């Protein structure tokens, strides 16, 4: 059964699926990580379970062609998340903290200055949270420093008037 082109992962035509061979001098955990990462990617990107199963089967066969032993693949595939965990994977936060799923982060980006850095602006913003608009009160507040402008841009170019010496 072929997966619908709109229901699965996009693959470039030039993709030759050159996964690293199993007998390469690398830790076994790297091979496991590549497999788990690809299976998670397939779960997240395939929109139906049939497309996921088809892509996972093709992935298994490609790994077998690269010399991966069936026992290793069976064990590694068994430790991967299942399709039933798709919703959790799609809403998983980047830092892995399940309590922070759905919590917004508001970044306050300001140009860097030594004075502001020493003022502990983050603490001051949090202590004055009640003064913020309602849509900024819920979530985390992050203070980020923008790089200071280069000195050359800060200087005003000066044009010398033509001087005539007589």
C-alpha atoms as a PDB file:
ATOM      1  CA  UNK A   1       0.000   0.000   0.000  1.00  0.00           C
ATOM      2  CA  UNK A   2       1.526   3.320  -1.019  1.00  0.00           C
ATOM      3  CA  UNK A   3       1.253   6.298   1.280  1.00  0.00           C
ATOM      4  CA  UNK A   4      -0.513   9.340  -0.040  1.00  0.00           C
ATOM      5  CA  UNK A   5       1.997  11.973  -1.132  1.00  0.00           C
ATOM      6  CA  UNK A   6       0.219  14.557   1.018  1.00  0.00           C
ATOM      7  CA  UNK A   7       0.147  12.375   4.124  1.00  0.00           C
ATOM      8  CA  UNK A   8       3.827  11.675   4.607  1.00  0.00           C
ATOM      9  CA  UNK A   9       7.282  13.077   4.937  1.00  0.00           C
ATOM     10  CA  UNK A  10       8.789  14.891   2.021  1.00  0.00           C
ATOM     11  CA  UNK A  11      11.957  13.323   0.684  1.00  0.00           C
ATOM     12  CA  UNK A  12      14.272  14.933  -1.806  1.00  0.00           C
ATOM     13  CA  UNK A  13      14.814  13.036  -5.020  1.00  0.00           C
ATOM     14  CA  UNK A  14      18.570  13.163  -4.415  1.00  0.00           C
ATOM     15  CA  UNK A  15      18.280  11.412  -1.024  1.00  0.00           C
ATOM     16  CA  UNK A  16      20.228   8.148  -1.282  1.00  0.00           C
ATOM     17  CA  UNK A  17      19.513   7.111   2.357  1.00  0.00           C
ATOM     18  CA  UNK A  18      23.190   6.705   3.122  1.00  0.00           C
ATOM     19  CA  UNK A  19      22.898   5.975   6.811  1.00  0.00           C
ATOM     20  CA  UNK A  20      26.183   5.185   8.491  1.00  0.00           C
ATOM     21  CA  UNK A  21      27.073   1.484   8.340  1.00  0.00           C
ATOM     22  CA  UNK A  22      26.593  -0.559  11.500  1.00  0.00           C
ATOM     23  CA  UNK A  23      30.209  -1.732  11.596  1.00  0.00           C
ATOM     24  CA  UNK A  24      31.585   1.814  11.766  1.00  0.00           C
ATOM     25  CA  UNK A  25      33.871   2.656  14.686  1.00  0.00           C
ATOM     26  CA  UNK A  26      31.289   4.702  16.604  1.00  0.00           C
ATOM     27  CA  UNK A  27      29.476   4.150  19.879  1.00  0.00           C
ATOM     28  CA  UNK A  28      26.399   1.957  19.571  1.00  0.00           C
ATOM     29  CA  UNK A  29      24.385   4.751  21.197  1.00  0.00           C
ATOM     30  CA  UNK A  30      24.954   6.900  18.098  1.00  0.00           C
ATOM     31  CA  UNK A  31      23.362   4.263  15.881  1.00  0.00           C
ATOM     32  CA  UNK A  32      20.453   3.969  18.306  1.00  0.00           C
ATOM     33  CA  UNK A  33      20.080   7.754  18.432  1.00  0.00           C
ATOM     34  CA  UNK A  34      19.902   8.062  14.654  1.00  0.00           C
ATOM     35  CA  UNK A  35      17.216   5.389  14.520  1.00  0.00           C
ATOM     36  CA  UNK A  36      15.153   6.863  17.356  1.00  0.00           C
ATOM     37  CA  UNK A  37      15.479  10.364  15.924  1.00  0.00           C
ATOM     38  CA  UNK A  38      14.300   9.260  12.491  1.00  0.00           C
ATOM     39  CA  UNK A  39      11.347   7.319  13.920  1.00  0.00           C
ATOM     40  CA  UNK A  40      10.298  10.346  15.981  1.00  0.00           C
ATOM     41  CA  UNK A  41      10.603  12.521  12.867  1.00  0.00           C
ATOM     42  CA  UNK A  42       8.390  10.098  10.949  1.00  0.00           C
ATOM     43  CA  UNK A  43       5.773  10.074  13.718  1.00  0.00           C
ATOM     44  CA  UNK A  44       5.706  13.863  13.783  1.00  0.00           C
ATOM     45  CA  UNK A  45       5.637  14.390  10.013  1.00  0.00           C
ATOM     46  CA  UNK A  46       3.387  11.585   8.785  1.00  0.00           C
ATOM     47  CA  UNK A  47      -0.255  12.563   9.089  1.00  0.00           C
ATOM     48  CA  UNK A  48      -1.703   9.050   9.147  1.00  0.00           C
ATOM     49  CA  UNK A  49      -0.668   5.839  10.824  1.00  0.00           C
ATOM     50  CA  UNK A  50      -0.510   3.915   7.531  1.00  0.00           C
ATOM     51  CA  UNK A  51       2.033   6.341   6.085  1.00  0.00           C
ATOM     52  CA  UNK A  52       4.070   6.082   9.279  1.00  0.00           C
ATOM     53  CA  UNK A  53       4.081   2.286   9.202  1.00  0.00           C
ATOM     54  CA  UNK A  54       5.087   2.269   5.533  1.00  0.00           C
ATOM     55  CA  UNK A  55       7.923   4.745   6.099  1.00  0.00           C
ATOM     56  CA  UNK A  56       9.115   2.909   9.222  1.00  0.00           C
ATOM     57  CA  UNK A  57       9.196  -0.377   7.267  1.00  0.00           C
ATOM     58  CA  UNK A  58      11.189   1.240   4.458  1.00  0.00           C
ATOM     59  CA  UNK A  59      13.549   2.743   7.050  1.00  0.00           C
ATOM     60  CA  UNK A  60      14.042  -0.709   8.595  1.00  0.00           C
ATOM     61  CA  UNK A  61      14.839  -2.243   5.184  1.00  0.00           C
ATOM     62  CA  UNK A  62      17.301   0.531   4.329  1.00  0.00           C
ATOM     63  CA  UNK A  63      19.100  -0.029   7.620  1.00  0.00           C
ATOM     64  CA  UNK A  64      19.243  -3.776   6.931  1.00  0.00           C
ATOM     65  CA  UNK A  65      20.846  -2.958   3.562  1.00  0.00           C
ATOM     66  CA  UNK A  66      23.496  -0.934   5.461  1.00  0.00           C
ATOM     67  CA  UNK A  67      24.381  -3.987   7.588  1.00  0.00           C
ATOM     68  CA  UNK A  68      22.344  -3.403  10.748  1.00  0.00           C
ATOM     69  CA  UNK A  69      21.557  -6.745  12.462  1.00  0.00           C
ATOM     70  CA  UNK A  70      17.851  -7.609  12.749  1.00  0.00           C
ATOM     71  CA  UNK A  71      18.111  -8.159  16.523  1.00  0.00           C
ATOM     72  CA  UNK A  72      19.613  -4.720  17.076  1.00  0.00           C
ATOM     73  CA  UNK A  73      16.957  -3.100  14.901  1.00  0.00           C
ATOM     74  CA  UNK A  74      14.148  -4.975  16.635  1.00  0.00           C
ATOM     75  CA  UNK A  75      15.372  -3.888  20.068  1.00  0.00           C
ATOM     76  CA  UNK A  76      15.920  -0.277  19.018  1.00  0.00           C
ATOM     77  CA  UNK A  77      12.602   0.014  17.175  1.00  0.00           C
ATOM     78  CA  UNK A  78      10.861  -1.392  20.274  1.00  0.00           C
ATOM     79  CA  UNK A  79      12.267   1.426  22.444  1.00  0.00           C
ATOM     80  CA  UNK A  80      11.027   4.132  20.065  1.00  0.00           C
ATOM     81  CA  UNK A  81       7.819   6.028  20.792  1.00  0.00           C
ATOM     82  CA  UNK A  82       4.696   4.630  19.196  1.00  0.00           C
ATOM     83  CA  UNK A  83       2.168   6.346  16.965  1.00  0.00           C
ATOM     84  CA  UNK A  84      -0.187   6.624  19.963  1.00  0.00           C
ATOM     85  CA  UNK A  85       2.306   9.067  21.529  1.00  0.00           C
ATOM     86  CA  UNK A  86       2.160  11.410  18.524  1.00  0.00           C
ATOM     87  CA  UNK A  87       0.189  14.157  20.271  1.00  0.00           C
ATOM     88  CA  UNK A  88       2.706  14.234  23.125  1.00  0.00           C
ATOM     89  CA  UNK A  89       5.593  14.449  20.662  1.00  0.00           C
ATOM     90  CA  UNK A  90       3.945  17.264  18.726  1.00  0.00           C
ATOM     91  CA  UNK A  91       3.390  19.370  21.859  1.00  0.00           C
ATOM     92  CA  UNK A  92       6.667  18.492  23.549  1.00  0.00           C
ATOM     93  CA  UNK A  93       8.602  21.547  24.690  1.00  0.00           C
ATOM     94  CA  UNK A  94      12.107  22.148  23.412  1.00  0.00           C
ATOM     95  CA  UNK A  95      13.713  21.980  26.826  1.00  0.00           C
ATOM     96  CA  UNK A  96      12.006  18.712  27.747  1.00  0.00           C
ATOM     97  CA  UNK A  97      10.129  20.139  30.741  1.00  0.00           C
ATOM     98  CA  UNK A  98       6.625  18.711  30.509  1.00  0.00           C
ATOM     99  CA  UNK A  99       5.364  21.308  33.001  1.00  0.00           C
ATOM    100  CA  UNK A 100       6.308  24.071  30.577  1.00  0.00           C
ATOM    101  CA  UNK A 101       4.283  22.736  27.643  1.00  0.00           C
ATOM    102  CA  UNK A 102       2.012  25.531  26.468  1.00  0.00           C
ATOM    103  CA  UNK A 103       3.759  28.182  28.561  1.00  0.00           C
ATOM    104  CA  UNK A 104       4.659  31.203  26.465  1.00  0.00           C
ATOM    105  CA  UNK A 105       8.014  32.918  26.659  1.00  0.00           C
ATOM    106  CA  UNK A 106       8.142  36.671  26.213  1.00  0.00           C
ATOM    107  CA  UNK A 107      11.512  38.055  25.190  1.00  0.00           C
ATOM    108  CA  UNK A 108      12.450  41.594  26.111  1.00  0.00           C
ATOM    109  CA  UNK A 109      15.316  42.414  23.742  1.00  0.00           C
ATOM    110  CA  UNK A 110      17.368  45.508  24.464  1.00  0.00           C
ATOM    111  CA  UNK A 111      20.742  46.781  23.319  1.00  0.00           C
ATOM    112  CA  UNK A 112      23.535  45.735  25.626  1.00  0.00           C
ATOM    113  CA  UNK A 113      24.976  48.211  28.065  1.00  0.00           C
ATOM    114  CA  UNK A 114      27.115  47.574  31.102  1.00  0.00           C
ATOM    115  CA  UNK A 115      24.841  49.693  33.305  1.00  0.00           C
ATOM    116  CA  UNK A 116      21.707  47.723  32.399  1.00  0.00           C
ATOM    117  CA  UNK A 117      23.505  44.428  32.850  1.00  0.00           C
ATOM    118  CA  UNK A 118      24.447  45.384  36.395  1.00  0.00           C
ATOM    119  CA  UNK A 119      20.931  46.636  37.189  1.00  0.00           C
ATOM    120  CA  UNK A 120      19.414  43.116  37.215  1.00  0.00           C
ATOM    121  CA  UNK A 121      16.651  44.074  34.819  1.00  0.00           C
ATOM    122  CA  UNK A 122      15.145  40.568  34.831  1.00  0.00           C
ATOM    123  CA  UNK A 123      14.398  40.763  38.550  1.00  0.00           C
ATOM    124  CA  UNK A 124      12.961  44.258  38.191  1.00  0.00           C
ATOM    125  CA  UNK A 125      10.628  43.155  35.377  1.00  0.00           C
ATOM    126  CA  UNK A 126       9.376  40.198  37.398  1.00  0.00           C
ATOM    127  CA  UNK A 127       8.773  42.348  40.476  1.00  0.00           C
ATOM    128  CA  UNK A 128       6.766  44.822  38.359  1.00  0.00           C
ATOM    129  CA  UNK A 129       4.813  42.131  36.539  1.00  0.00           C
ATOM    130  CA  UNK A 130       1.477  43.633  37.608  1.00  0.00           C
ATOM    131  CA  UNK A 131       2.257  46.719  35.494  1.00  0.00           C
ATOM    132  CA  UNK A 132       2.620  44.659  32.318  1.00  0.00           C
ATOM    133  CA  UNK A 133      -0.281  44.257  29.871  1.00  0.00           C
ATOM    134  CA  UNK A 134      -2.441  41.175  30.608  1.00  0.00           C
ATOM    135  CA  UNK A 135      -1.167  39.186  27.611  1.00  0.00           C
ATOM    136  CA  UNK A 136       2.414  39.469  28.940  1.00  0.00           C
ATOM    137  CA  UNK A 137       1.672  38.478  32.530  1.00  0.00           C
ATOM    138  CA  UNK A 138       1.233  34.786  31.852  1.00  0.00           C
ATOM    139  CA  UNK A 139       4.392  33.019  30.837  1.00  0.00           C
ATOM    140  CA  UNK A 140       8.095  33.393  31.284  1.00  0.00           C
ATOM    141  CA  UNK A 141       9.921  36.657  30.826  1.00  0.00           C
ATOM    142  CA  UNK A 142      13.302  36.481  29.197  1.00  0.00           C
ATOM    143  CA  UNK A 143      15.642  39.446  28.976  1.00  0.00           C
ATOM    144  CA  UNK A 144      17.946  39.188  25.979  1.00  0.00           C
ATOM    145  CA  UNK A 145      20.785  41.481  25.086  1.00  0.00           C
ATOM    146  CA  UNK A 146      21.196  42.701  21.545  1.00  0.00           C
ATOM    147  CA  UNK A 147      24.806  43.235  20.522  1.00  0.00           C
ATOM    148  CA  UNK A 148      25.976  46.777  20.935  1.00  0.00           C
ATOM    149  CA  UNK A 149      26.241  48.754  17.744  1.00  0.00           C
ATOM    150  CA  UNK A 150      29.641  48.795  16.175  1.00  0.00           C
ATOM    151  CA  UNK A 151      31.606  51.916  16.954  1.00  0.00           C
ATOM    152  CA  UNK A 152      31.877  52.756  13.267  1.00  0.00           C
ATOM    153  CA  UNK A 153      28.096  52.929  12.931  1.00  0.00           C
ATOM    154  CA  UNK A 154      27.724  55.018  16.072  1.00  0.00           C
ATOM    155  CA  UNK A 155      30.031  57.758  14.830  1.00  0.00           C
ATOM    156  CA  UNK A 156      28.575  60.466  12.660  1.00  0.00           C
ATOM    157  CA  UNK A 157      30.611  60.854   9.519  1.00  0.00           C
ATOM    158  CA  UNK A 158      32.122  64.274   9.254  1.00  0.00           C
ATOM    159  CA  UNK A 159      32.706  65.884   5.907  1.00  0.00           C
ATOM    160  CA  UNK A 160      35.528  68.343   5.769  1.00  0.00           C
ATOM    161  CA  UNK A 161      34.726  71.466   3.891  1.00  0.00           C
ATOM    162  CA  UNK A 162      37.104  72.182   1.103  1.00  0.00           C
ATOM    163  CA  UNK A 163      39.894  74.292   2.432  1.00  0.00           C
ATOM    164  CA  UNK A 164      41.795  76.547   0.169  1.00  0.00           C
ATOM    165  CA  UNK A 165      45.275  77.436   1.093  1.00  0.00           C
ATOM    166  CA  UNK A 166      46.694  80.416  -0.563  1.00  0.00           C
END
